[in-house]
PDB file of N, CA and C in Angstrom:
ATOM      1  N   MET A   1      95.630 100.235 130.752  1.00  0.00           N
ATOM      2  CA  MET A   1      95.455 100.824 129.440  1.00  0.00           C
ATOM      3  C   MET A   1      96.498 101.910 129.183  1.00  0.00           C
ATOM      4  N   GLU A   2      96.880 102.620 130.223  1.00  0.00           N
ATOM      5  CA  GLU A   2      97.880 103.672 130.057  1.00  0.00           C
ATOM      6  C   GLU A   2      99.194 103.099 129.528  1.00  0.00           C
ATOM      7  N   ASP A   3      99.543 101.864 129.928  1.00  0.00           N
ATOM      8  CA  ASP A   3     100.760 101.231 129.404  1.00  0.00           C
ATOM      9  C   ASP A   3     100.682 101.084 127.889  1.00  0.00           C
ATOM     10  N   GLN A   4      99.518 100.672 127.393  1.00  0.00           N
ATOM     11  CA  GLN A   4      99.356 100.517 125.947  1.00  0.00           C
ATOM     12  C   GLN A   4      99.400 101.866 125.242  1.00  0.00           C
ATOM     13  N   PHE A   5      98.818 102.902 125.845  1.00  0.00           N
ATOM     14  CA  PHE A   5      98.913 104.240 125.265  1.00  0.00           C
ATOM     15  C   PHE A   5     100.378 104.663 125.172  1.00  0.00           C
ATOM     16  N   ASN A   6     101.154 104.376 126.213  1.00  0.00           N
ATOM     17  CA  ASN A   6     102.574 104.741 126.214  1.00  0.00           C
ATOM     18  C   ASN A   6     103.350 103.969 125.157  1.00  0.00           C
ATOM     19  N   VAL A   7     103.035 102.688 124.979  1.00  0.00           N
ATOM     20  CA  VAL A   7     103.669 101.895 123.920  1.00  0.00           C
ATOM     21  C   VAL A   7     103.407 102.555 122.569  1.00  0.00           C
ATOM     22  N   LEU A   8     102.165 102.952 122.335  1.00  0.00           N
ATOM     23  CA  LEU A   8     101.813 103.568 121.056  1.00  0.00           C
ATOM     24  C   LEU A   8     102.487 104.927 120.877  1.00  0.00           C
ATOM     25  N   ARG A   9     102.509 105.733 121.923  1.00  0.00           N
ATOM     26  CA  ARG A   9     103.192 107.040 121.827  1.00  0.00           C
ATOM     27  C   ARG A   9     104.647 106.856 121.405  1.00  0.00           C
ATOM     28  N   GLN A  10     105.332 105.924 122.080  1.00  0.00           N
ATOM     29  CA  GLN A  10     106.747 105.698 121.765  1.00  0.00           C
ATOM     30  C   GLN A  10     106.919 105.102 120.377  1.00  0.00           C
ATOM     31  N   MET A  11     105.989 104.252 119.973  1.00  0.00           N
ATOM     32  CA  MET A  11     106.075 103.653 118.645  1.00  0.00           C
ATOM     33  C   MET A  11     106.043 104.731 117.560  1.00  0.00           C
ATOM     34  N   TYR A  12     105.164 105.723 117.713  1.00  0.00           N
ATOM     35  CA  TYR A  12     105.101 106.794 116.720  1.00  0.00           C
ATOM     36  C   TYR A  12     106.398 107.610 116.707  1.00  0.00           C
ATOM     37  N   VAL A  13     106.958 107.883 117.872  1.00  0.00           N
ATOM     38  CA  VAL A  13     108.242 108.589 117.938  1.00  0.00           C
ATOM     39  C   VAL A  13     109.307 107.793 117.194  1.00  0.00           C
ATOM     40  N   ASP A  14     109.375 106.498 117.467  1.00  0.00           N
ATOM     41  CA  ASP A  14     110.378 105.641 116.834  1.00  0.00           C
ATOM     42  C   ASP A  14     110.139 105.502 115.335  1.00  0.00           C
ATOM     43  N   PHE A  15     108.875 105.394 114.922  1.00  0.00           N
ATOM     44  CA  PHE A  15     108.560 105.306 113.492  1.00  0.00           C
ATOM     45  C   PHE A  15     109.034 106.565 112.776  1.00  0.00           C
ATOM     46  N   ASN A  16     108.716 107.720 113.323  1.00  0.00           N
ATOM     47  CA  ASN A  16     109.095 108.968 112.677  1.00  0.00           C
ATOM     48  C   ASN A  16     110.607 109.175 112.656  1.00  0.00           C
ATOM     49  N   ALA A  17     111.308 108.596 113.627  1.00  0.00           N
ATOM     50  CA  ALA A  17     112.777 108.664 113.673  1.00  0.00           C
ATOM     51  C   ALA A  17     113.426 107.563 112.837  1.00  0.00           C
ATOM     52  N   ARG A  18     112.583 106.671 112.282  1.00  0.00           N
ATOM     53  CA  ARG A  18     113.048 105.526 111.476  1.00  0.00           C
ATOM     54  C   ARG A  18     113.916 104.582 112.294  1.00  0.00           C
ATOM     55  N   THR A  19     113.613 104.467 113.582  1.00  0.00           N
ATOM     56  CA  THR A  19     114.298 103.539 114.470  1.00  0.00           C
ATOM     57  C   THR A  19     113.536 102.218 114.408  1.00  0.00           C
ATOM     58  N   ILE A  20     113.740 101.504 113.314  1.00  0.00           N
ATOM     59  CA  ILE A  20     112.886 100.363 112.993  1.00  0.00           C
ATOM     60  C   ILE A  20     112.952  99.245 114.027  1.00  0.00           C
ATOM     61  N   ASP A  21     114.114  98.956 114.579  1.00  0.00           N
ATOM     62  CA  ASP A  21     114.202  97.873 115.555  1.00  0.00           C
ATOM     63  C   ASP A  21     113.407  98.198 116.818  1.00  0.00           C
ATOM     64  N   ALA A  22     113.387  99.459 117.220  1.00  0.00           N
ATOM     65  CA  ALA A  22     112.603  99.848 118.395  1.00  0.00           C
ATOM     66  C   ALA A  22     111.110  99.697 118.122  1.00  0.00           C
ATOM     67  N   VAL A  23     110.672 100.043 116.911  1.00  0.00           N
ATOM     68  CA  VAL A  23     109.256  99.874 116.563  1.00  0.00           C
ATOM     69  C   VAL A  23     108.908  98.393 116.534  1.00  0.00           C
ATOM     70  N   LEU A  24     109.707  97.609 115.854  1.00  0.00           N
ATOM     71  CA  LEU A  24     109.414  96.180 115.721  1.00  0.00           C
ATOM     72  C   LEU A  24     109.387  95.472 117.071  1.00  0.00           C
ATOM     73  N   ALA A  25     110.160  95.947 118.035  1.00  0.00           N
ATOM     74  CA  ALA A  25     110.173  95.338 119.366  1.00  0.00           C
ATOM     75  C   ALA A  25     108.817  95.477 120.062  1.00  0.00           C
ATOM     76  N   GLN A  26     107.992  96.426 119.634  1.00  0.00           N
ATOM     77  CA  GLN A  26     106.667  96.632 120.226  1.00  0.00           C
ATOM     78  C   GLN A  26     105.588  95.805 119.528  1.00  0.00           C
ATOM     79  N   LEU A  27     105.952  95.103 118.463  1.00  0.00           N
ATOM     80  CA  LEU A  27     104.995  94.326 117.681  1.00  0.00           C
ATOM     81  C   LEU A  27     105.043  92.852 118.066  1.00  0.00           C
ATOM     82  N   HIS A  28     103.885  92.232 118.134  1.00  0.00           N
ATOM     83  CA  HIS A  28     103.772  90.786 118.350  1.00  0.00           C
ATOM     84  C   HIS A  28     104.472  90.078 117.195  1.00  0.00           C
ATOM     85  N   GLU A  29     105.061  88.943 117.470  1.00  0.00           N
ATOM     86  CA  GLU A  29     105.762  88.166 116.431  1.00  0.00           C
ATOM     87  C   GLU A  29     104.868  87.897 115.221  1.00  0.00           C
ATOM     88  N   ASP A  30     103.581  87.670 115.463  1.00  0.00           N
ATOM     89  CA  ASP A  30     102.632  87.363 114.392  1.00  0.00           C
ATOM     90  C   ASP A  30     101.727  88.551 114.059  1.00  0.00           C
ATOM     91  N   VAL A  31     102.254  89.754 114.189  1.00  0.00           N
ATOM     92  CA  VAL A  31     101.480  90.970 113.945  1.00  0.00           C
ATOM     93  C   VAL A  31     100.873  90.972 112.534  1.00  0.00           C
ATOM     94  N   VAL A  32      99.688  91.539 112.428  1.00  0.00           N
ATOM     95  CA  VAL A  32      99.048  91.769 111.130  1.00  0.00           C
ATOM     96  C   VAL A  32      98.992  93.291 110.955  1.00  0.00           C
ATOM     97  N   TRP A  33      99.608  93.783 109.882  1.00  0.00           N
ATOM     98  CA  TRP A  33      99.784  95.218 109.681  1.00  0.00           C
ATOM     99  C   TRP A  33      99.268  95.615 108.300  1.00  0.00           C
ATOM    100  N   PRO A  34      98.564  96.735 108.202  1.00  0.00           N
ATOM    101  CA  PRO A  34      98.069  97.158 106.895  1.00  0.00           C
ATOM    102  C   PRO A  34      99.201  97.710 106.028  1.00  0.00           C
ATOM    103  N   ASN A  35      99.121  97.408 104.762  1.00  0.00           N
ATOM    104  CA  ASN A  35     100.027  98.021 103.794  1.00  0.00           C
ATOM    105  C   ASN A  35      99.272  99.219 103.222  1.00  0.00           C
ATOM    106  N   GLY A  36      99.322 100.318 103.951  1.00  0.00           N
ATOM    107  CA  GLY A  36      98.584 101.507 103.570  1.00  0.00           C
ATOM    108  C   GLY A  36      99.114 102.169 102.319  1.00  0.00           C
ATOM    109  N   TRP A  37     100.276 101.806 101.903  1.00  0.00           N
ATOM    110  CA  TRP A  37     100.930 102.402 100.742  1.00  0.00           C
ATOM    111  C   TRP A  37     100.515 101.690  99.450  1.00  0.00           C
ATOM    112  N   GLU A  38     100.518 100.361  99.479  1.00  0.00           N
ATOM    113  CA  GLU A  38     100.256  99.585  98.260  1.00  0.00           C
ATOM    114  C   GLU A  38      98.940  98.806  98.315  1.00  0.00           C
ATOM    115  N   GLY A  39      98.379  98.681  99.512  1.00  0.00           N
ATOM    116  CA  GLY A  39      97.153  97.918  99.677  1.00  0.00           C
ATOM    117  C   GLY A  39      97.408  96.555 100.293  1.00  0.00           C
ATOM    118  N   GLY A  40      96.389  95.999 100.925  1.00  0.00           N
ATOM    119  CA  GLY A  40      96.496  94.681 101.546  1.00  0.00           C
ATOM    120  C   GLY A  40      97.079  94.763 102.942  1.00  0.00           C
ATOM    121  N   THR A  41      97.595  93.639 103.408  1.00  0.00           N
ATOM    122  CA  THR A  41      98.222  93.568 104.725  1.00  0.00           C
ATOM    123  C   THR A  41      99.517  92.768 104.626  1.00  0.00           C
ATOM    124  N   VAL A  42     100.328  92.906 105.646  1.00  0.00           N
ATOM    125  CA  VAL A  42     101.521  92.078 105.793  1.00  0.00           C
ATOM    126  C   VAL A  42     101.433  91.415 107.159  1.00  0.00           C
ATOM    127  N   ALA A  43     102.040  90.251 107.303  1.00  0.00           N
ATOM    128  CA  ALA A  43     101.960  89.497 108.549  1.00  0.00           C
ATOM    129  C   ALA A  43     103.353  89.114 109.036  1.00  0.00           C
ATOM    130  N   GLY A  44     103.598  89.390 110.307  1.00  0.00           N
ATOM    131  CA  GLY A  44     104.873  89.051 110.931  1.00  0.00           C
ATOM    132  C   GLY A  44     105.841  90.227 110.924  1.00  0.00           C
ATOM    133  N   ARG A  45     106.721  90.237 111.921  1.00  0.00           N
ATOM    134  CA  ARG A  45     107.686  91.338 112.060  1.00  0.00           C
ATOM    135  C   ARG A  45     108.574  91.492 110.835  1.00  0.00           C
ATOM    136  N   ASP A  46     109.065  90.387 110.287  1.00  0.00           N
ATOM    137  CA  ASP A  46     109.960  90.478 109.128  1.00  0.00           C
ATOM    138  C   ASP A  46     109.257  91.110 107.931  1.00  0.00           C
ATOM    139  N   ALA A  47     107.991  90.762 107.732  1.00  0.00           N
ATOM    140  CA  ALA A  47     107.231  91.338 106.620  1.00  0.00           C
ATOM    141  C   ALA A  47     106.993  92.827 106.839  1.00  0.00           C
ATOM    142  N   VAL A  48     106.735  93.222 108.087  1.00  0.00           N
ATOM    143  CA  VAL A  48     106.564  94.646 108.388  1.00  0.00           C
ATOM    144  C   VAL A  48     107.870  95.392 108.136  1.00  0.00           C
ATOM    145  N   ARG A  49     108.982  94.822 108.573  1.00  0.00           N
ATOM    146  CA  ARG A  49     110.292  95.450 108.321  1.00  0.00           C
ATOM    147  C   ARG A  49     110.507  95.654 106.815  1.00  0.00           C
ATOM    148  N   HIS A  50     110.282  94.621 106.046  1.00  0.00           N
ATOM    149  CA  HIS A  50     110.484  94.700 104.600  1.00  0.00           C
ATOM    150  C   HIS A  50     109.580  95.769 103.981  1.00  0.00           C
ATOM    151  N   TYR A  51     108.319  95.797 104.405  1.00  0.00           N
ATOM    152  CA  TYR A  51     107.358  96.787 103.908  1.00  0.00           C
ATOM    153  C   TYR A  51     107.845  98.202 104.198  1.00  0.00           C
ATOM    154  N   TRP A  52     108.227  98.473 105.455  1.00  0.00           N
ATOM    155  CA  TRP A  52     108.673  99.823 105.799  1.00  0.00           C
ATOM    156  C   TRP A  52     109.963 100.214 105.086  1.00  0.00           C
ATOM    157  N   MET A  53     110.873  99.290 104.934  1.00  0.00           N
ATOM    158  CA  MET A  53     112.125  99.615 104.242  1.00  0.00           C
ATOM    159  C   MET A  53     111.854 100.003 102.784  1.00  0.00           C
ATOM    160  N   ARG A  54     110.955  99.279 102.139  1.00  0.00           N
ATOM    161  CA  ARG A  54     110.572  99.637 100.754  1.00  0.00           C
ATOM    162  C   ARG A  54     109.864 100.989 100.731  1.00  0.00           C
ATOM    163  N   GLN A  55     108.948 101.194 101.682  1.00  0.00           N
ATOM    164  CA  GLN A  55     108.195 102.445 101.743  1.00  0.00           C
ATOM    165  C   GLN A  55     109.129 103.634 101.956  1.00  0.00           C
ATOM    166  N   TRP A  56     110.008 103.537 102.934  1.00  0.00           N
ATOM    167  CA  TRP A  56     110.898 104.651 103.255  1.00  0.00           C
ATOM    168  C   TRP A  56     111.909 104.927 102.148  1.00  0.00           C
ATOM    169  N   ALA A  57     112.161 103.951 101.292  1.00  0.00           N
ATOM    170  CA  ALA A  57     113.043 104.179 100.147  1.00  0.00           C
ATOM    171  C   ALA A  57     112.334 104.950  99.032  1.00  0.00           C
ATOM    172  N   ALA A  58     110.991 105.053  99.114  1.00  0.00           N
ATOM    173  CA  ALA A  58     110.221 105.689  98.056  1.00  0.00           C
ATOM    174  C   ALA A  58     109.486 106.966  98.503  1.00  0.00           C
ATOM    175  N   ILE A  59     109.034 107.004  99.765  1.00  0.00           N
ATOM    176  CA  ILE A  59     108.293 108.155 100.277  1.00  0.00           C
ATOM    177  C   ILE A  59     108.713 108.437 101.711  1.00  0.00           C
ATOM    178  N   ASN A  60     108.311 109.604 102.211  1.00  0.00           N
ATOM    179  CA  ASN A  60     108.673 110.015 103.563  1.00  0.00           C
ATOM    180  C   ASN A  60     107.413 110.318 104.380  1.00  0.00           C
ATOM    181  N   PRO A  61     106.837 109.300 105.046  1.00  0.00           N
ATOM    182  CA  PRO A  61     105.658 109.543 105.876  1.00  0.00           C
ATOM    183  C   PRO A  61     106.046 109.978 107.294  1.00  0.00           C
ATOM    184  N   THR A  62     105.248 110.881 107.846  1.00  0.00           N
ATOM    185  CA  THR A  62     105.370 111.287 109.243  1.00  0.00           C
ATOM    186  C   THR A  62     103.981 111.191 109.858  1.00  0.00           C
ATOM    187  N   VAL A  63     103.881 110.539 111.008  1.00  0.00           N
ATOM    188  CA  VAL A  63     102.585 110.297 111.636  1.00  0.00           C
ATOM    189  C   VAL A  63     102.659 110.765 113.094  1.00  0.00           C
ATOM    190  N   VAL A  64     101.800 111.732 113.432  1.00  0.00           N
ATOM    191  CA  VAL A  64     101.809 112.309 114.778  1.00  0.00           C
ATOM    192  C   VAL A  64     100.454 112.049 115.443  1.00  0.00           C
ATOM    193  N   PRO A  65     100.450 111.341 116.574  1.00  0.00           N
ATOM    194  CA  PRO A  65      99.176 111.069 117.254  1.00  0.00           C
ATOM    195  C   PRO A  65      98.562 112.348 117.801  1.00  0.00           C
ATOM    196  N   GLN A  66      97.222 112.437 117.667  1.00  0.00           N
ATOM    197  CA  GLN A  66      96.475 113.588 118.157  1.00  0.00           C
ATOM    198  C   GLN A  66      95.576 113.229 119.339  1.00  0.00           C
ATOM    199  N   GLU A  67      95.064 111.990 119.333  1.00  0.00           N
ATOM    200  CA  GLU A  67      94.117 111.573 120.364  1.00  0.00           C
ATOM    201  C   GLU A  67      94.120 110.051 120.479  1.00  0.00           C
ATOM    202  N   PHE A  68      93.976 109.550 121.707  1.00  0.00           N
ATOM    203  CA  PHE A  68      93.889 108.118 121.985  1.00  0.00           C
ATOM    204  C   PHE A  68      92.519 107.844 122.588  1.00  0.00           C
ATOM    205  N   VAL A  69      91.815 106.838 122.043  1.00  0.00           N
ATOM    206  CA  VAL A  69      90.470 106.511 122.517  1.00  0.00           C
ATOM    207  C   VAL A  69      90.390 105.006 122.762  1.00  0.00           C
ATOM    208  N   LEU A  70      89.997 104.619 123.962  1.00  0.00           N
ATOM    209  CA  LEU A  70      89.762 103.212 124.256  1.00  0.00           C
ATOM    210  C   LEU A  70      88.374 102.848 123.757  1.00  0.00           C
ATOM    211  N   LEU A  71      88.297 101.877 122.860  1.00  0.00           N
ATOM    212  CA  LEU A  71      87.026 101.446 122.298  1.00  0.00           C
ATOM    213  C   LEU A  71      86.374 100.404 123.206  1.00  0.00           C
ATOM    214  N   SER A  72      85.101 100.186 123.024  1.00  0.00           N
ATOM    215  CA  SER A  72      84.357  99.263 123.894  1.00  0.00           C
ATOM    216  C   SER A  72      84.876  97.827 123.812  1.00  0.00           C
ATOM    217  N   ASP A  73      85.509  97.465 122.682  1.00  0.00           N
ATOM    218  CA  ASP A  73      86.052  96.109 122.538  1.00  0.00           C
ATOM    219  C   ASP A  73      87.517  96.013 122.987  1.00  0.00           C
ATOM    220  N   GLN A  74      87.990  97.054 123.696  1.00  0.00           N
ATOM    221  CA  GLN A  74      89.343  97.126 124.256  1.00  0.00           C
ATOM    222  C   GLN A  74      90.424  97.429 123.214  1.00  0.00           C
ATOM    223  N   ARG A  75      90.038  97.625 121.969  1.00  0.00           N
ATOM    224  CA  ARG A  75      91.020  98.103 121.000  1.00  0.00           C
ATOM    225  C   ARG A  75      91.248  99.592 121.260  1.00  0.00           C
ATOM    226  N   ILE A  76      92.315 100.119 120.705  1.00  0.00           N
ATOM    227  CA  ILE A  76      92.635 101.531 120.896  1.00  0.00           C
ATOM    228  C   ILE A  76      92.635 102.225 119.543  1.00  0.00           C
ATOM    229  N   LEU A  77      91.860 103.295 119.458  1.00  0.00           N
ATOM    230  CA  LEU A  77      91.827 104.117 118.267  1.00  0.00           C
ATOM    231  C   LEU A  77      92.750 105.304 118.502  1.00  0.00           C
ATOM    232  N   VAL A  78      93.627 105.558 117.540  1.00  0.00           N
ATOM    233  CA  VAL A  78      94.517 106.711 117.617  1.00  0.00           C
ATOM    234  C   VAL A  78      94.252 107.584 116.398  1.00  0.00           C
ATOM    235  N   ARG A  79      93.798 108.804 116.651  1.00  0.00           N
ATOM    236  CA  ARG A  79      93.650 109.764 115.558  1.00  0.00           C
ATOM    237  C   ARG A  79      95.021 110.376 115.328  1.00  0.00           C
ATOM    238  N   VAL A  80      95.462 110.323 114.083  1.00  0.00           N
ATOM    239  CA  VAL A  80      96.810 110.794 113.755  1.00  0.00           C
ATOM    240  C   VAL A  80      96.768 111.821 112.624  1.00  0.00           C
ATOM    241  N   HIS A  81      97.727 112.726 112.683  1.00  0.00           N
ATOM    242  CA  HIS A  81      97.957 113.645 111.571  1.00  0.00           C
ATOM    243  C   HIS A  81      99.073 113.009 110.744  1.00  0.00           C
ATOM    244  N   GLN A  82      98.740 112.653 109.524  1.00  0.00           N
ATOM    245  CA  GLN A  82      99.692 111.960 108.645  1.00  0.00           C
ATOM    246  C   GLN A  82     100.061 112.869 107.478  1.00  0.00           C
ATOM    247  N   ARG A  83     101.345 113.097 107.336  1.00  0.00           N
ATOM    248  CA  ARG A  83     101.882 113.840 106.189  1.00  0.00           C
ATOM    249  C   ARG A  83     102.787 112.891 105.415  1.00  0.00           C
ATOM    250  N   VAL A  84     102.604 112.855 104.121  1.00  0.00           N
ATOM    251  CA  VAL A  84     103.446 112.031 103.273  1.00  0.00           C
ATOM    252  C   VAL A  84     104.079 112.946 102.230  1.00  0.00           C
ATOM    253  N   GLN A  85     105.387 112.877 102.167  1.00  0.00           N
ATOM    254  CA  GLN A  85     106.132 113.671 101.197  1.00  0.00           C
ATOM    255  C   GLN A  85     106.954 112.751 100.309  1.00  0.00           C
ATOM    256  N   SER A  86     107.249 113.255  99.126  1.00  0.00           N
ATOM    257  CA  SER A  86     108.195 112.546  98.270  1.00  0.00           C
ATOM    258  C   SER A  86     109.576 112.693  98.897  1.00  0.00           C
ATOM    259  N   LEU A  87     110.521 111.921  98.422  1.00  0.00           N
ATOM    260  CA  LEU A  87     111.882 112.037  98.950  1.00  0.00           C
ATOM    261  C   LEU A  87     112.488 113.390  98.622  1.00  0.00           C
ATOM    262  N   ALA A  88     111.947 114.067  97.598  1.00  0.00           N
ATOM    263  CA  ALA A  88     112.406 115.404  97.224  1.00  0.00           C
ATOM    264  C   ALA A  88     111.742 116.486  98.080  1.00  0.00           C
ATOM    265  N   GLY A  89     110.756 116.091  98.925  1.00  0.00           N
ATOM    266  CA  GLY A  89     110.102 117.043  99.801  1.00  0.00           C
ATOM    267  C   GLY A  89     108.757 117.552  99.328  1.00  0.00           C
ATOM    268  N   ASP A  90     108.282 117.078  98.171  1.00  0.00           N
ATOM    269  CA  ASP A  90     106.967 117.499  97.680  1.00  0.00           C
ATOM    270  C   ASP A  90     105.868 116.817  98.489  1.00  0.00           C
ATOM    271  N   LEU A  91     104.825 117.586  98.828  1.00  0.00           N
ATOM    272  CA  LEU A  91     103.725 117.053  99.607  1.00  0.00           C
ATOM    273  C   LEU A  91     102.853 116.142  98.759  1.00  0.00           C
ATOM    274  N   ILE A  92     102.660 114.907  99.224  1.00  0.00           N
ATOM    275  CA  ILE A  92     101.804 113.926  98.554  1.00  0.00           C
ATOM    276  C   ILE A  92     100.431 113.911  99.207  1.00  0.00           C
ATOM    277  N   SER A  93     100.396 113.885 100.540  1.00  0.00           N
ATOM    278  CA  SER A  93      99.119 113.926 101.260  1.00  0.00           C
ATOM    279  C   SER A  93      99.332 114.527 102.644  1.00  0.00           C
ATOM    280  N   ASP A  94      98.251 115.093 103.162  1.00  0.00           N
ATOM    281  CA  ASP A  94      98.253 115.701 104.486  1.00  0.00           C
ATOM    282  C   ASP A  94      96.834 115.525 105.016  1.00  0.00           C
ATOM    283  N   GLU A  95      96.648 114.602 105.969  1.00  0.00           N
ATOM    284  CA  GLU A  95      95.298 114.281 106.412  1.00  0.00           C
ATOM    285  C   GLU A  95      95.289 113.753 107.840  1.00  0.00           C
ATOM    286  N   VAL A  96      94.108 113.777 108.432  1.00  0.00           N
ATOM    287  CA  VAL A  96      93.891 113.139 109.722  1.00  0.00           C
ATOM    288  C   VAL A  96      93.164 111.829 109.443  1.00  0.00           C
ATOM    289  N   ILE A  97      93.734 110.754 109.950  1.00  0.00           N
ATOM    290  CA  ILE A  97      93.131 109.428 109.796  1.00  0.00           C
ATOM    291  C   ILE A  97      93.141 108.738 111.156  1.00  0.00           C
ATOM    292  N   SER A  98      92.545 107.572 111.224  1.00  0.00           N
ATOM    293  CA  SER A  98      92.529 106.801 112.465  1.00  0.00           C
ATOM    294  C   SER A  98      93.264 105.488 112.285  1.00  0.00           C
ATOM    295  N   HIS A  99      94.034 105.140 113.287  1.00  0.00           N
ATOM    296  CA  HIS A  99      94.676 103.831 113.388  1.00  0.00           C
ATOM    297  C   HIS A  99      94.001 103.106 114.543  1.00  0.00           C
ATOM    298  N   ILE A 100      93.662 101.845 114.335  1.00  0.00           N
ATOM    299  CA  ILE A 100      92.988 101.068 115.374  1.00  0.00           C
ATOM    300  C   ILE A 100      93.870  99.857 115.709  1.00  0.00           C
ATOM    301  N   TYR A 101      94.243  99.750 116.975  1.00  0.00           N
ATOM    302  CA  TYR A 101      95.189  98.730 117.433  1.00  0.00           C
ATOM    303  C   TYR A 101      94.543  97.720 118.356  1.00  0.00           C
ATOM    304  N   SER A 102      95.003  96.478 118.236  1.00  0.00           N
ATOM    305  CA  SER A 102      94.713  95.462 119.249  1.00  0.00           C
ATOM    306  C   SER A 102      96.051  95.002 119.822  1.00  0.00           C
ATOM    307  N   PHE A 103      95.996  94.553 121.056  1.00  0.00           N
ATOM    308  CA  PHE A 103      97.198  94.100 121.775  1.00  0.00           C
ATOM    309  C   PHE A 103      97.045  92.648 122.187  1.00  0.00           C
ATOM    310  N   ASP A 104      98.167  91.975 122.327  1.00  0.00           N
ATOM    311  CA  ASP A 104      98.221  90.605 122.827  1.00  0.00           C
ATOM    312  C   ASP A 104      99.481  90.490 123.672  1.00  0.00           C
ATOM    313  N   GLN A 105      99.327  90.195 124.943  1.00  0.00           N
ATOM    314  CA  GLN A 105     100.450  90.041 125.870  1.00  0.00           C
ATOM    315  C   GLN A 105     101.349  91.272 125.877  1.00  0.00           C
ATOM    316  N   GLY A 106     100.730  92.447 125.835  1.00  0.00           N
ATOM    317  CA  GLY A 106     101.473  93.699 125.919  1.00  0.00           C
ATOM    318  C   GLY A 106     102.097  94.184 124.624  1.00  0.00           C
ATOM    319  N   LEU A 107     101.948  93.407 123.553  1.00  0.00           N
ATOM    320  CA  LEU A 107     102.518  93.780 122.260  1.00  0.00           C
ATOM    321  C   LEU A 107     101.408  94.067 121.253  1.00  0.00           C
ATOM    322  N   ILE A 108     101.708  94.894 120.282  1.00  0.00           N
ATOM    323  CA  ILE A 108     100.726  95.233 119.252  1.00  0.00           C
ATOM    324  C   ILE A 108     100.503  94.009 118.372  1.00  0.00           C
ATOM    325  N   ARG A 109      99.264  93.549 118.324  1.00  0.00           N
ATOM    326  CA  ARG A 109      98.903  92.340 117.566  1.00  0.00           C
ATOM    327  C   ARG A 109      98.396  92.677 116.171  1.00  0.00           C
ATOM    328  N   SER A 110      97.700  93.828 116.061  1.00  0.00           N
ATOM    329  CA  SER A 110      97.208  94.235 114.742  1.00  0.00           C
ATOM    330  C   SER A 110      96.950  95.727 114.721  1.00  0.00           C
ATOM    331  N   MET A 111      96.937  96.255 113.504  1.00  0.00           N
ATOM    332  CA  MET A 111      96.590  97.650 113.274  1.00  0.00           C
ATOM    333  C   MET A 111      95.731  97.715 112.042  1.00  0.00           C
ATOM    334  N   GLU A 112      94.732  98.587 112.080  1.00  0.00           N
ATOM    335  CA  GLU A 112      93.869  98.855 110.925  1.00  0.00           C
ATOM    336  C   GLU A 112      93.914 100.346 110.661  1.00  0.00           C
ATOM    337  N   ILE A 113      93.715 100.721 109.413  1.00  0.00           N
ATOM    338  CA  ILE A 113      93.633 102.129 109.040  1.00  0.00           C
ATOM    339  C   ILE A 113      92.191 102.448 108.689  1.00  0.00           C
ATOM    340  N   ALA A 114      91.673 103.524 109.269  1.00  0.00           N
ATOM    341  CA  ALA A 114      90.335 104.008 108.934  1.00  0.00           C
ATOM    342  C   ALA A 114      90.495 105.399 108.343  1.00  0.00           C
ATOM    343  N   ARG A 115      90.080 105.560 107.109  1.00  0.00           N
ATOM    344  CA  ARG A 115      90.211 106.854 106.447  1.00  0.00           C
ATOM    345  C   ARG A 115      89.231 107.890 106.984  1.00  0.00           C
ATOM    346  N   THR A 116      88.135 107.429 107.555  1.00  0.00           N
ATOM    347  CA  THR A 116      87.190 108.351 108.179  1.00  0.00           C
ATOM    348  C   THR A 116      87.290 108.161 109.676  1.00  0.00           C
ATOM    349  N   LEU A 117      87.066 109.200 110.418  1.00  0.00           N
ATOM    350  CA  LEU A 117      87.188 109.112 111.861  1.00  0.00           C
ATOM    351  C   LEU A 117      86.067 108.286 112.458  1.00  0.00           C
ATOM    352  N   ALA A 118      86.440 107.433 113.387  1.00  0.00           N
ATOM    353  CA  ALA A 118      85.443 106.589 114.077  1.00  0.00           C
ATOM    354  C   ALA A 118      84.837 107.358 115.235  1.00  0.00           C
TER     355      ALA A 118
END
């Protein structure tokens, strides 16, 4: 489980640095990812790349993990501090939310966003 925690820690570092290829390398080819910005989900690495590129062209999110919890179903809940700013630097949101991950063959298979803490 510690390996998966380390994958997630590095993924957040890479996401915040906008090192998209490093983040995508941690995702399963058929990953299902929430579109927390516009709603719905996207499926597959290419769709996630496209989603993030559009998002980063419009807003500046920063997500810092605060706590990692192994759930009874082997998924991992990560409580994160999420700040979203406009490209001009105006604060859009500042909140603690939960991300819930599943893994497949060492890669992130899916992520869900929970607005309330689990």
